[in-house]
PDB file of N, CA and C in Angstrom:
ATOM      1  N   MET A   1     -99.985  77.523 142.895  1.00  0.00           N
ATOM      2  CA  MET A   1    -100.699  78.025 142.166  1.00  0.00           C
ATOM      3  C   MET A   1     -99.948  78.838 141.056  1.00  0.00           C
ATOM      4  N   ILE A   2    -100.357  77.745 139.904  1.00  0.00           N
ATOM      5  CA  ILE A   2     -99.526  78.247 138.478  1.00  0.00           C
ATOM      6  C   ILE A   2     -99.682  79.793 138.276  1.00  0.00           C
ATOM      7  N   LYS A   3     -98.641  80.496 137.887  1.00  0.00           N
ATOM      8  CA  LYS A   3     -98.091  81.625 137.046  1.00  0.00           C
ATOM      9  C   LYS A   3     -98.083  81.208 135.822  1.00  0.00           C
ATOM     10  N   HIS A   4     -98.610  82.287 134.988  1.00  0.00           N
ATOM     11  CA  HIS A   4     -98.392  82.323 133.334  1.00  0.00           C
ATOM     12  C   HIS A   4     -97.141  83.276 133.716  1.00  0.00           C
ATOM     13  N   TRP A   5     -96.328  82.642 133.014  1.00  0.00           N
ATOM     14  CA  TRP A   5     -94.804  83.139 133.508  1.00  0.00           C
ATOM     15  C   TRP A   5     -94.469  84.667 132.552  1.00  0.00           C
ATOM     16  N   ALA A   6     -95.001  84.249 130.685  1.00  0.00           N
ATOM     17  CA  ALA A   6     -95.007  85.307 129.819  1.00  0.00           C
ATOM     18  C   ALA A   6     -95.664  86.398 129.825  1.00  0.00           C
ATOM     19  N   PRO A   7     -97.364  86.010 129.960  1.00  0.00           N
ATOM     20  CA  PRO A   7     -97.954  87.526 130.145  1.00  0.00           C
ATOM     21  C   PRO A   7     -97.167  87.798 131.282  1.00  0.00           C
ATOM     22  N   LEU A   8     -97.171  87.722 132.772  1.00  0.00           N
ATOM     23  CA  LEU A   8     -96.790  88.334 133.888  1.00  0.00           C
ATOM     24  C   LEU A   8     -95.854  88.886 133.402  1.00  0.00           C
ATOM     25  N   THR A   9     -94.915  88.764 132.925  1.00  0.00           N
ATOM     26  CA  THR A   9     -93.385  89.366 132.526  1.00  0.00           C
ATOM     27  C   THR A   9     -93.857  90.623 131.630  1.00  0.00           C
ATOM     28  N   GLU A  10     -94.436  90.496 130.774  1.00  0.00           N
ATOM     29  CA  GLU A  10     -95.255  91.644 129.558  1.00  0.00           C
ATOM     30  C   GLU A  10     -95.806  92.322 130.562  1.00  0.00           C
ATOM     31  N   ASP A  11     -96.905  91.800 131.809  1.00  0.00           N
ATOM     32  CA  ASP A  11     -97.600  93.253 132.465  1.00  0.00           C
ATOM     33  C   ASP A  11     -96.281  93.768 132.744  1.00  0.00           C
ATOM     34  N   ILE A  12     -95.574  93.355 133.753  1.00  0.00           N
ATOM     35  CA  ILE A  12     -94.212  93.906 134.354  1.00  0.00           C
ATOM     36  C   ILE A  12     -93.625  95.135 133.747  1.00  0.00           C
ATOM     37  N   LYS A  13     -93.279  94.783 132.014  1.00  0.00           N
ATOM     38  CA  LYS A  13     -92.611  95.346 131.227  1.00  0.00           C
ATOM     39  C   LYS A  13     -93.670  97.060 131.238  1.00  0.00           C
ATOM     40  N   ALA A  14     -94.784  96.383 131.196  1.00  0.00           N
ATOM     41  CA  ALA A  14     -95.539  97.478 130.732  1.00  0.00           C
ATOM     42  C   ALA A  14     -95.545  98.368 131.681  1.00  0.00           C
ATOM     43  N   LEU A  15     -95.836  97.915 133.055  1.00  0.00           N
ATOM     44  CA  LEU A  15     -95.905  98.789 134.154  1.00  0.00           C
ATOM     45  C   LEU A  15     -94.413  99.372 134.340  1.00  0.00           C
ATOM     46  N   MET A  16     -93.359  99.021 134.176  1.00  0.00           N
ATOM     47  CA  MET A  16     -91.954  99.797 134.054  1.00  0.00           C
ATOM     48  C   MET A  16     -91.516 100.571 133.227  1.00  0.00           C
ATOM     49  N   ARG A  17     -92.875 100.866 131.463  1.00  0.00           N
ATOM     50  CA  ARG A  17     -92.634 101.963 130.714  1.00  0.00           C
ATOM     51  C   ARG A  17     -93.451 102.940 131.529  1.00  0.00           C
ATOM     52  N   THR A  18     -94.295 102.786 131.639  1.00  0.00           N
ATOM     53  CA  THR A  18     -94.998 103.941 132.774  1.00  0.00           C
ATOM     54  C   THR A  18     -94.203 104.304 134.068  1.00  0.00           C
ATOM     55  N   MET A  19     -93.180 103.698 134.572  1.00  0.00           N
ATOM     56  CA  MET A  19     -92.392 104.176 135.510  1.00  0.00           C
ATOM     57  C   MET A  19     -91.473 105.077 134.706  1.00  0.00           C
ATOM     58  N   ARG A  20     -90.979 104.397 133.904  1.00  0.00           N
ATOM     59  CA  ARG A  20     -90.018 105.158 133.124  1.00  0.00           C
ATOM     60  C   ARG A  20     -90.431 106.609 132.737  1.00  0.00           C
ATOM     61  N   GLY A  21     -91.473 106.813 131.944  1.00  0.00           N
ATOM     62  CA  GLY A  21     -92.073 108.233 131.862  1.00  0.00           C
ATOM     63  C   GLY A  21     -92.594 108.565 133.438  1.00  0.00           C
ATOM     64  N   ASP A  22     -92.847 108.203 134.350  1.00  0.00           N
ATOM     65  CA  ASP A  22     -93.053 108.719 135.742  1.00  0.00           C
ATOM     66  C   ASP A  22     -91.559 109.532 136.364  1.00  0.00           C
ATOM     67  N   THR A  23     -90.856 108.929 136.358  1.00  0.00           N
ATOM     68  CA  THR A  23     -89.175 108.365 137.070  1.00  0.00           C
ATOM     69  C   THR A  23     -88.260 108.543 136.119  1.00  0.00           C
ATOM     70  N   PRO A  24     -88.325 109.752 134.871  1.00  0.00           N
ATOM     71  CA  PRO A  24     -87.222 109.029 133.756  1.00  0.00           C
ATOM     72  C   PRO A  24     -85.865 109.264 134.078  1.00  0.00           C
ATOM     73  N   ASN A  25     -85.308 110.415 135.445  1.00  0.00           N
ATOM     74  CA  ASN A  25     -83.924 109.991 135.949  1.00  0.00           C
ATOM     75  C   ASN A  25     -83.905 108.785 136.844  1.00  0.00           C
ATOM     76  N   VAL A  26     -84.809 108.185 137.594  1.00  0.00           N
ATOM     77  CA  VAL A  26     -84.024 107.162 137.930  1.00  0.00           C
ATOM     78  C   VAL A  26     -84.300 106.085 137.839  1.00  0.00           C
ATOM     79  N   MET A  27     -85.644 106.057 136.344  1.00  0.00           N
ATOM     80  CA  MET A  27     -85.163 104.219 135.260  1.00  0.00           C
ATOM     81  C   MET A  27     -83.994 105.018 134.922  1.00  0.00           C
ATOM     82  N   LYS A  28     -83.572 105.837 134.193  1.00  0.00           N
ATOM     83  CA  LYS A  28     -82.661 105.937 133.602  1.00  0.00           C
ATOM     84  C   LYS A  28     -81.523 105.440 134.426  1.00  0.00           C
ATOM     85  N   ALA A  29     -81.231 106.147 135.396  1.00  0.00           N
ATOM     86  CA  ALA A  29     -79.835 105.549 136.401  1.00  0.00           C
ATOM     87  C   ALA A  29     -80.112 104.246 136.489  1.00  0.00           C
ATOM     88  N   PHE A  30     -81.437 103.660 136.629  1.00  0.00           N
ATOM     89  CA  PHE A  30     -81.298 102.066 136.960  1.00  0.00           C
ATOM     90  C   PHE A  30     -81.109 101.174 135.707  1.00  0.00           C
ATOM     91  N   SER A  31     -81.375 101.720 134.511  1.00  0.00           N
ATOM     92  CA  SER A  31     -81.062 100.818 133.557  1.00  0.00           C
ATOM     93  C   SER A  31     -80.007 100.876 133.363  1.00  0.00           C
ATOM     94  N   GLY A  32     -79.171 102.208 133.754  1.00  0.00           N
ATOM     95  CA  GLY A  32     -77.013 102.260 133.279  1.00  0.00           C
ATOM     96  C   GLY A  32     -76.526 101.769 134.312  1.00  0.00           C
ATOM     97  N   LEU A  33     -77.253 101.288 135.728  1.00  0.00           N
ATOM     98  CA  LEU A  33     -76.758 100.774 136.692  1.00  0.00           C
ATOM     99  C   LEU A  33     -77.271  99.017 136.209  1.00  0.00           C
ATOM    100  N   ALA A  34     -77.977  98.501 135.400  1.00  0.00           N
ATOM    101  CA  ALA A  34     -78.378  97.104 135.136  1.00  0.00           C
ATOM    102  C   ALA A  34     -77.105  97.175 133.646  1.00  0.00           C
ATOM    103  N   GLN A  35     -77.170  97.824 132.749  1.00  0.00           N
ATOM    104  CA  GLN A  35     -76.567  97.470 131.743  1.00  0.00           C
ATOM    105  C   GLN A  35     -74.904  97.526 131.830  1.00  0.00           C
ATOM    106  N   ALA A  36     -74.686  98.305 132.821  1.00  0.00           N
ATOM    107  CA  ALA A  36     -73.046  98.198 133.255  1.00  0.00           C
ATOM    108  C   ALA A  36     -72.778  96.671 134.111  1.00  0.00           C
ATOM    109  N   ALA A  37     -73.676  96.264 134.687  1.00  0.00           N
ATOM    110  CA  ALA A  37     -73.167  95.343 135.435  1.00  0.00           C
ATOM    111  C   ALA A  37     -73.813  93.951 134.977  1.00  0.00           C
ATOM    112  N   SER A  38     -74.491  94.356 134.140  1.00  0.00           N
ATOM    113  CA  SER A  38     -74.706  92.904 132.371  1.00  0.00           C
ATOM    114  C   SER A  38     -73.658  92.787 132.177  1.00  0.00           C
ATOM    115  N   ALA A  39     -72.955  93.710 131.957  1.00  0.00           N
ATOM    116  CA  ALA A  39     -71.793  93.608 130.521  1.00  0.00           C
ATOM    117  C   ALA A  39     -70.580  92.875 130.775  1.00  0.00           C
ATOM    118  N   PRO A  40     -70.868  91.999 129.717  1.00  0.00           N
ATOM    119  CA  PRO A  40     -69.657  90.631 129.886  1.00  0.00           C
ATOM    120  C   PRO A  40     -68.320  91.291 130.296  1.00  0.00           C
ATOM    121  N   GLN A  41     -67.598  90.425 130.947  1.00  0.00           N
ATOM    122  CA  GLN A  41     -66.403  90.763 131.634  1.00  0.00           C
ATOM    123  C   GLN A  41     -65.583  89.924 131.794  1.00  0.00           C
ATOM    124  N   THR A  42     -65.505  89.613 133.029  1.00  0.00           N
ATOM    125  CA  THR A  42     -64.699  88.505 133.364  1.00  0.00           C
ATOM    126  C   THR A  42     -65.698  87.233 133.126  1.00  0.00           C
ATOM    127  N   LEU A  43     -66.739  87.508 133.832  1.00  0.00           N
ATOM    128  CA  LEU A  43     -68.014  86.731 133.721  1.00  0.00           C
ATOM    129  C   LEU A  43     -68.576  87.027 132.230  1.00  0.00           C
ATOM    130  N   ASP A  44     -69.381  85.542 131.821  1.00  0.00           N
ATOM    131  CA  ASP A  44     -70.005  86.305 130.916  1.00  0.00           C
ATOM    132  C   ASP A  44     -71.569  86.687 130.754  1.00  0.00           C
ATOM    133  N   SER A  45     -72.077  87.124 129.986  1.00  0.00           N
ATOM    134  CA  SER A  45     -73.741  87.369 130.015  1.00  0.00           C
ATOM    135  C   SER A  45     -74.305  86.491 130.800  1.00  0.00           C
ATOM    136  N   LYS A  46     -74.347  84.935 130.131  1.00  0.00           N
ATOM    137  CA  LYS A  46     -75.500  83.997 130.773  1.00  0.00           C
ATOM    138  C   LYS A  46     -75.063  83.549 132.323  1.00  0.00           C
ATOM    139  N   THR A  47     -73.505  84.097 132.482  1.00  0.00           N
ATOM    140  CA  THR A  47     -72.802  83.184 133.882  1.00  0.00           C
ATOM    141  C   THR A  47     -73.950  84.580 134.778  1.00  0.00           C
ATOM    142  N   LYS A  48     -73.957  85.748 134.372  1.00  0.00           N
ATOM    143  CA  LYS A  48     -74.386  86.911 135.366  1.00  0.00           C
ATOM    144  C   LYS A  48     -76.011  86.698 135.326  1.00  0.00           C
ATOM    145  N   GLU A  49     -76.355  86.386 134.426  1.00  0.00           N
ATOM    146  CA  GLU A  49     -77.874  86.330 134.351  1.00  0.00           C
ATOM    147  C   GLU A  49     -78.245  84.880 135.332  1.00  0.00           C
ATOM    148  N   LEU A  50     -77.097  83.704 135.450  1.00  0.00           N
ATOM    149  CA  LEU A  50     -77.753  82.709 136.589  1.00  0.00           C
ATOM    150  C   LEU A  50     -77.231  83.550 137.581  1.00  0.00           C
ATOM    151  N   ILE A  51     -76.545  84.288 137.972  1.00  0.00           N
ATOM    152  CA  ILE A  51     -76.348  84.704 139.510  1.00  0.00           C
ATOM    153  C   ILE A  51     -77.624  85.658 139.784  1.00  0.00           C
ATOM    154  N   ALA A  52     -78.636  86.232 138.658  1.00  0.00           N
ATOM    155  CA  ALA A  52     -79.158  87.363 138.807  1.00  0.00           C
ATOM    156  C   ALA A  52     -80.580  86.264 139.274  1.00  0.00           C
ATOM    157  N   LEU A  53     -80.785  85.319 138.558  1.00  0.00           N
ATOM    158  CA  LEU A  53     -81.640  84.211 138.588  1.00  0.00           C
ATOM    159  C   LEU A  53     -81.662  83.831 140.247  1.00  0.00           C
ATOM    160  N   ALA A  54     -80.479  83.111 140.615  1.00  0.00           N
ATOM    161  CA  ALA A  54     -80.187  83.055 142.000  1.00  0.00           C
ATOM    162  C   ALA A  54     -80.730  83.911 143.089  1.00  0.00           C
ATOM    163  N   ILE A  55     -79.899  85.145 142.607  1.00  0.00           N
ATOM    164  CA  ILE A  55     -80.570  86.225 144.068  1.00  0.00           C
ATOM    165  C   ILE A  55     -81.802  86.012 143.528  1.00  0.00           C
ATOM    166  N   SER A  56     -82.673  86.358 142.542  1.00  0.00           N
ATOM    167  CA  SER A  56     -83.790  86.487 142.323  1.00  0.00           C
ATOM    168  C   SER A  56     -84.946  85.296 143.464  1.00  0.00           C
ATOM    169  N   VAL A  57     -84.329  84.185 143.361  1.00  0.00           N
ATOM    170  CA  VAL A  57     -85.043  83.436 144.416  1.00  0.00           C
ATOM    171  C   VAL A  57     -84.568  83.505 145.528  1.00  0.00           C
ATOM    172  N   ALA A  58     -83.862  83.525 146.072  1.00  0.00           N
ATOM    173  CA  ALA A  58     -83.057  84.052 147.481  1.00  0.00           C
ATOM    174  C   ALA A  58     -83.649  85.262 148.083  1.00  0.00           C
ATOM    175  N   ILE A  59     -84.189  86.227 147.413  1.00  0.00           N
ATOM    176  CA  ILE A  59     -84.759  87.551 147.465  1.00  0.00           C
ATOM    177  C   ILE A  59     -86.524  86.991 147.564  1.00  0.00           C
ATOM    178  N   ARG A  60     -86.698  85.970 146.879  1.00  0.00           N
ATOM    179  CA  ARG A  60     -88.016  85.868 146.635  1.00  0.00           C
ATOM    180  C   ARG A  60     -89.018  86.930 145.800  1.00  0.00           C
ATOM    181  N   CYS A  61     -87.913  86.829 144.605  1.00  0.00           N
ATOM    182  CA  CYS A  61     -88.824  88.374 144.069  1.00  0.00           C
ATOM    183  C   CYS A  61     -89.524  87.577 142.674  1.00  0.00           C
ATOM    184  N   ASP A  62     -90.497  86.982 142.534  1.00  0.00           N
ATOM    185  CA  ASP A  62     -91.054  86.568 141.531  1.00  0.00           C
ATOM    186  C   ASP A  62     -90.973  87.246 140.156  1.00  0.00           C
ATOM    187  N   ASP A  63     -91.292  88.846 139.910  1.00  0.00           N
ATOM    188  CA  ASP A  63     -91.093  89.559 139.090  1.00  0.00           C
ATOM    189  C   ASP A  63     -89.548  89.428 138.237  1.00  0.00           C
ATOM    190  N   CYS A  64     -88.738  89.314 139.424  1.00  0.00           N
ATOM    191  CA  CYS A  64     -87.405  89.295 138.770  1.00  0.00           C
ATOM    192  C   CYS A  64     -87.479  87.870 138.240  1.00  0.00           C
ATOM    193  N   ILE A  65     -88.076  86.865 138.738  1.00  0.00           N
ATOM    194  CA  ILE A  65     -87.411  85.423 138.695  1.00  0.00           C
ATOM    195  C   ILE A  65     -87.955  85.277 136.967  1.00  0.00           C
ATOM    196  N   GLY A  66     -89.116  86.102 136.713  1.00  0.00           N
ATOM    197  CA  GLY A  66     -89.785  86.014 134.963  1.00  0.00           C
ATOM    198  C   GLY A  66     -88.754  86.774 134.773  1.00  0.00           C
ATOM    199  N   PHE A  67     -88.502  87.251 134.380  1.00  0.00           N
ATOM    200  CA  PHE A  67     -87.323  88.644 133.581  1.00  0.00           C
ATOM    201  C   PHE A  67     -85.760  87.696 133.527  1.00  0.00           C
ATOM    202  N   HIS A  68     -85.184  86.895 134.374  1.00  0.00           N
ATOM    203  CA  HIS A  68     -83.751  86.495 134.842  1.00  0.00           C
ATOM    204  C   HIS A  68     -84.234  85.189 134.375  1.00  0.00           C
ATOM    205  N   VAL A  69     -85.027  84.156 134.385  1.00  0.00           N
ATOM    206  CA  VAL A  69     -85.102  83.229 133.918  1.00  0.00           C
ATOM    207  C   VAL A  69     -85.202  83.214 132.270  1.00  0.00           C
ATOM    208  N   LYS A  70     -86.019  84.115 131.552  1.00  0.00           N
ATOM    209  CA  LYS A  70     -86.055  84.355 130.226  1.00  0.00           C
ATOM    210  C   LYS A  70     -84.739  84.634 129.593  1.00  0.00           C
ATOM    211  N   ALA A  71     -84.361  85.801 130.211  1.00  0.00           N
ATOM    212  CA  ALA A  71     -82.881  86.359 129.397  1.00  0.00           C
ATOM    213  C   ALA A  71     -81.947  85.594 129.486  1.00  0.00           C
ATOM    214  N   ALA A  72     -81.698  84.549 130.554  1.00  0.00           N
ATOM    215  CA  ALA A  72     -81.182  83.443 130.966  1.00  0.00           C
ATOM    216  C   ALA A  72     -81.559  82.494 129.579  1.00  0.00           C
ATOM    217  N   LEU A  73     -82.307  82.303 129.331  1.00  0.00           N
ATOM    218  CA  LEU A  73     -82.627  80.916 128.420  1.00  0.00           C
ATOM    219  C   LEU A  73     -82.244  81.627 127.079  1.00  0.00           C
ATOM    220  N   ASP A  74     -82.451  82.955 127.281  1.00  0.00           N
ATOM    221  CA  ASP A  74     -81.874  83.526 125.765  1.00  0.00           C
ATOM    222  C   ASP A  74     -80.505  83.360 125.198  1.00  0.00           C
ATOM    223  N   LEU A  75     -80.381  83.952 126.278  1.00  0.00           N
ATOM    224  CA  LEU A  75     -78.386  83.451 126.119  1.00  0.00           C
ATOM    225  C   LEU A  75     -78.151  82.018 126.399  1.00  0.00           C
ATOM    226  N   GLY A  76     -78.813  81.525 126.597  1.00  0.00           N
ATOM    227  CA  GLY A  76     -78.771  79.706 125.848  1.00  0.00           C
ATOM    228  C   GLY A  76     -78.254  78.947 127.627  1.00  0.00           C
ATOM    229  N   ALA A  77     -78.900  79.588 128.165  1.00  0.00           N
ATOM    230  CA  ALA A  77     -78.648  78.582 128.902  1.00  0.00           C
ATOM    231  C   ALA A  77     -79.620  77.340 129.242  1.00  0.00           C
ATOM    232  N   THR A  78     -79.410  75.713 130.029  1.00  0.00           N
ATOM    233  CA  THR A  78     -80.054  74.802 129.749  1.00  0.00           C
ATOM    234  C   THR A  78     -80.846  74.452 130.727  1.00  0.00           C
ATOM    235  N   ARG A  79     -81.261  73.589 130.948  1.00  0.00           N
ATOM    236  CA  ARG A  79     -82.655  73.422 131.652  1.00  0.00           C
ATOM    237  C   ARG A  79     -81.352  72.830 133.254  1.00  0.00           C
ATOM    238  N   GLU A  80     -80.435  72.261 132.659  1.00  0.00           N
ATOM    239  CA  GLU A  80     -79.327  72.006 133.406  1.00  0.00           C
ATOM    240  C   GLU A  80     -78.505  73.069 134.723  1.00  0.00           C
ATOM    241  N   GLU A  81     -78.233  74.225 133.513  1.00  0.00           N
ATOM    242  CA  GLU A  81     -77.600  75.143 134.386  1.00  0.00           C
ATOM    243  C   GLU A  81     -78.913  76.011 135.043  1.00  0.00           C
ATOM    244  N   ILE A  82     -79.905  75.756 134.870  1.00  0.00           N
ATOM    245  CA  ILE A  82     -80.802  76.486 135.281  1.00  0.00           C
ATOM    246  C   ILE A  82     -80.676  75.929 136.507  1.00  0.00           C
ATOM    247  N   VAL A  83     -81.375  74.335 136.943  1.00  0.00           N
ATOM    248  CA  VAL A  83     -81.012  73.626 138.058  1.00  0.00           C
ATOM    249  C   VAL A  83     -80.564  73.932 139.347  1.00  0.00           C
ATOM    250  N   GLU A  84     -79.016  73.906 138.905  1.00  0.00           N
ATOM    251  CA  GLU A  84     -77.821  73.925 139.306  1.00  0.00           C
ATOM    252  C   GLU A  84     -78.030  75.482 140.004  1.00  0.00           C
ATOM    253  N   THR A  85     -78.318  76.251 139.138  1.00  0.00           N
ATOM    254  CA  THR A  85     -78.369  77.497 139.453  1.00  0.00           C
ATOM    255  C   THR A  85     -79.033  77.795 141.016  1.00  0.00           C
ATOM    256  N   LEU A  86     -80.363  76.951 140.833  1.00  0.00           N
ATOM    257  CA  LEU A  86     -81.628  77.075 141.571  1.00  0.00           C
ATOM    258  C   LEU A  86     -81.368  76.246 142.661  1.00  0.00           C
ATOM    259  N   GLY A  87     -80.534  75.323 142.924  1.00  0.00           N
ATOM    260  CA  GLY A  87     -79.277  74.349 144.043  1.00  0.00           C
ATOM    261  C   GLY A  87     -78.561  75.714 145.082  1.00  0.00           C
ATOM    262  N   MET A  88     -78.055  76.200 144.072  1.00  0.00           N
ATOM    263  CA  MET A  88     -77.356  77.377 144.872  1.00  0.00           C
ATOM    264  C   MET A  88     -78.388  78.197 145.369  1.00  0.00           C
ATOM    265  N   ALA A  89     -79.476  78.535 144.588  1.00  0.00           N
ATOM    266  CA  ALA A  89     -80.018  79.637 145.617  1.00  0.00           C
ATOM    267  C   ALA A  89     -80.592  79.075 146.480  1.00  0.00           C
ATOM    268  N   ILE A  90     -81.043  77.785 146.685  1.00  0.00           N
ATOM    269  CA  ILE A  90     -81.615  77.472 148.010  1.00  0.00           C
ATOM    270  C   ILE A  90     -80.819  76.680 148.582  1.00  0.00           C
ATOM    271  N   TYR A  91     -79.465  76.473 148.676  1.00  0.00           N
ATOM    272  CA  TYR A  91     -78.876  76.362 149.709  1.00  0.00           C
ATOM    273  C   TYR A  91     -78.303  77.884 150.346  1.00  0.00           C
ATOM    274  N   MET A  92     -78.466  79.464 149.334  1.00  0.00           N
ATOM    275  CA  MET A  92     -78.032  80.449 150.311  1.00  0.00           C
ATOM    276  C   MET A  92     -79.313  80.734 150.987  1.00  0.00           C
ATOM    277  N   GLY A  93     -80.518  80.248 150.121  1.00  0.00           N
ATOM    278  CA  GLY A  93     -81.930  81.125 151.038  1.00  0.00           C
ATOM    279  C   GLY A  93     -82.516  79.825 152.286  1.00  0.00           C
ATOM    280  N   ALA A  94     -82.140  79.196 152.040  1.00  0.00           N
ATOM    281  CA  ALA A  94     -83.412  78.195 152.830  1.00  0.00           C
ATOM    282  C   ALA A  94     -84.269  77.823 152.066  1.00  0.00           C
ATOM    283  N   GLY A  95     -85.148  77.241 153.190  1.00  0.00           N
ATOM    284  CA  GLY A  95     -86.731  76.699 152.821  1.00  0.00           C
ATOM    285  C   GLY A  95     -87.321  77.382 151.849  1.00  0.00           C
ATOM    286  N   PRO A  96     -87.310  78.574 152.316  1.00  0.00           N
ATOM    287  CA  PRO A  96     -88.003  79.605 151.432  1.00  0.00           C
ATOM    288  C   PRO A  96     -87.584  79.714 150.114  1.00  0.00           C
ATOM    289  N   SER A  97     -86.433  79.745 149.770  1.00  0.00           N
ATOM    290  CA  SER A  97     -85.935  79.713 148.558  1.00  0.00           C
ATOM    291  C   SER A  97     -86.436  77.927 147.479  1.00  0.00           C
ATOM    292  N   VAL A  98     -86.418  77.204 148.229  1.00  0.00           N
ATOM    293  CA  VAL A  98     -86.823  76.158 147.883  1.00  0.00           C
ATOM    294  C   VAL A  98     -88.409  76.766 147.228  1.00  0.00           C
ATOM    295  N   MET A  99     -89.409  76.997 147.838  1.00  0.00           N
ATOM    296  CA  MET A  99     -90.281  77.236 147.222  1.00  0.00           C
ATOM    297  C   MET A  99     -90.214  78.443 145.730  1.00  0.00           C
ATOM    298  N   TYR A 100     -89.546  79.446 146.023  1.00  0.00           N
ATOM    299  CA  TYR A 100     -89.430  80.312 145.169  1.00  0.00           C
ATOM    300  C   TYR A 100     -88.331  79.711 143.580  1.00  0.00           C
ATOM    301  N   ALA A 101     -87.666  78.625 144.023  1.00  0.00           N
ATOM    302  CA  ALA A 101     -86.948  77.552 143.356  1.00  0.00           C
ATOM    303  C   ALA A 101     -88.165  76.861 142.205  1.00  0.00           C
ATOM    304  N   THR A 102     -89.175  76.488 142.571  1.00  0.00           N
ATOM    305  CA  THR A 102     -90.114  76.107 141.903  1.00  0.00           C
ATOM    306  C   THR A 102     -91.104  77.018 141.031  1.00  0.00           C
ATOM    307  N   HIS A 103     -90.824  78.369 141.478  1.00  0.00           N
ATOM    308  CA  HIS A 103     -91.297  79.235 140.318  1.00  0.00           C
ATOM    309  C   HIS A 103     -90.622  79.394 139.523  1.00  0.00           C
ATOM    310  N   ALA A 104     -89.406  79.377 139.658  1.00  0.00           N
ATOM    311  CA  ALA A 104     -88.050  79.522 138.442  1.00  0.00           C
ATOM    312  C   ALA A 104     -88.138  78.833 137.232  1.00  0.00           C
ATOM    313  N   LEU A 105     -88.586  77.579 137.837  1.00  0.00           N
ATOM    314  CA  LEU A 105     -88.492  76.055 137.034  1.00  0.00           C
ATOM    315  C   LEU A 105     -89.656  76.128 136.689  1.00  0.00           C
ATOM    316  N   GLU A 106     -90.530  76.446 136.687  1.00  0.00           N
ATOM    317  CA  GLU A 106     -91.796  76.531 136.239  1.00  0.00           C
ATOM    318  C   GLU A 106     -91.922  77.847 134.879  1.00  0.00           C
ATOM    319  N   ALA A 107     -91.223  78.911 135.213  1.00  0.00           N
ATOM    320  CA  ALA A 107     -91.066  79.925 134.152  1.00  0.00           C
ATOM    321  C   ALA A 107     -90.158  79.727 133.240  1.00  0.00           C
ATOM    322  N   TYR A 108     -89.200  78.915 133.565  1.00  0.00           N
ATOM    323  CA  TYR A 108     -88.170  78.156 132.658  1.00  0.00           C
ATOM    324  C   TYR A 108     -89.368  77.518 131.738  1.00  0.00           C
ATOM    325  N   GLU A 109     -89.668  76.599 132.132  1.00  0.00           N
ATOM    326  CA  GLU A 109     -90.487  75.317 131.635  1.00  0.00           C
ATOM    327  C   GLU A 109     -91.565  75.789 130.027  1.00  0.00           C
ATOM    328  N   GLN A 110     -92.224  77.208 130.861  1.00  0.00           N
ATOM    329  CA  GLN A 110     -93.088  77.970 130.112  1.00  0.00           C
ATOM    330  C   GLN A 110     -92.527  78.640 128.886  1.00  0.00           C
ATOM    331  N   PHE A 111     -91.316  79.419 129.270  1.00  0.00           N
ATOM    332  CA  PHE A 111     -90.325  79.739 128.707  1.00  0.00           C
ATOM    333  C   PHE A 111     -89.766  78.785 127.033  1.00  0.00           C
ATOM    334  N   LYS A 112     -89.487  78.136 127.934  1.00  0.00           N
ATOM    335  CA  LYS A 112     -88.960  76.879 126.663  1.00  0.00           C
ATOM    336  C   LYS A 112     -90.198  76.235 125.984  1.00  0.00           C
ATOM    337  N   GLN A 113     -91.068  76.206 126.629  1.00  0.00           N
ATOM    338  CA  GLN A 113     -92.006  75.474 125.599  1.00  0.00           C
ATOM    339  C   GLN A 113     -92.711  76.869 124.686  1.00  0.00           C
ATOM    340  N   ALA A 114     -92.763  77.998 124.500  1.00  0.00           N
ATOM    341  CA  ALA A 114     -92.803  78.570 124.107  1.00  0.00           C
ATOM    342  C   ALA A 114     -91.832  79.200 123.260  1.00  0.00           C
ATOM    343  N   THR A 115     -90.699  79.012 123.218  1.00  0.00           N
ATOM    344  CA  THR A 115     -89.756  78.941 122.286  1.00  0.00           C
ATOM    345  C   THR A 115     -89.560  77.637 121.056  1.00  0.00           C
ATOM    346  N   GLN A 116     -90.650  76.421 121.732  1.00  0.00           N
ATOM    347  CA  GLN A 116     -90.527  75.800 120.458  1.00  0.00           C
ATOM    348  C   GLN A 116     -91.558  75.290 119.864  1.00  0.00           C
ATOM    349  N   ALA A 117     -92.585  76.455 120.270  1.00  0.00           N
ATOM    350  CA  ALA A 117     -93.825  75.962 119.936  1.00  0.00           C
ATOM    351  C   ALA A 117     -93.863  76.325 118.287  1.00  0.00           C
ATOM    352  N   PRO A 118     -94.682  75.900 117.321  1.00  0.00           N
ATOM    353  CA  PRO A 118     -94.296  76.148 116.039  1.00  0.00           C
ATOM    354  C   PRO A 118     -95.207  77.605 115.292  1.00  0.00           C
ATOM    355  N   ALA A 119     -94.871  78.269 114.476  1.00  0.00           N
ATOM    356  CA  ALA A 119     -95.412  79.481 114.383  1.00  0.00           C
ATOM    357  C   ALA A 119     -96.696  79.452 114.166  1.00  0.00           C
ATOM    358  N   SER A 120     -97.424  80.226 114.171  1.00  0.00           N
ATOM    359  CA  SER A 120     -99.027  79.796 113.901  1.00  0.00           C
ATOM    360  C   SER A 120     -99.086  80.507 112.633  1.00  0.00           C
ATOM    361  N   THR A 121     -99.517  79.891 111.594  1.00  0.00           N
ATOM    362  CA  THR A 121     -99.980  80.419 110.107  1.00  0.00           C
ATOM    363  C   THR A 121    -101.536  80.900 110.085  1.00  0.00           C
ATOM    364  N   ALA A 122    -101.086  82.191 109.445  1.00  0.00           N
ATOM    365  CA  ALA A 122    -102.484  83.013 109.178  1.00  0.00           C
ATOM    366  C   ALA A 122    -102.966  82.467 107.918  1.00  0.00           C
ATOM    367  N   ALA A 123    -104.476  82.574 108.091  1.00  0.00           N
ATOM    368  CA  ALA A 123    -105.521  82.038 106.673  1.00  0.00           C
ATOM    369  C   ALA A 123    -105.739  82.814 105.950  1.00  0.00           C
TER     370      ALA A 123
END
């Protein structure tokens, strides 16, 4: 089944906003953890997103795949970097990771195509 990654990711963002309203302390702590872990230090932000993508594939989290593919793409990740990252995820997660790696590649292609689409003009 082909997923539509941009709308899926937007739907999850909306659900996460609800979670922030329902559990503000937990989500604030999670956000702080995410910001601290992703802050560029020895590893740059793109490398950290690629690591997060590999983990997303290895643990089989579709929703995570969408977020981390988009973030890696926004940070300049190339298709080749995504594919090499997926190779490491497959190595670490075996057969099931092969299946989820196809999800990540599909998400990359959809997000990349969306960034290359010409802007529509209003009449």
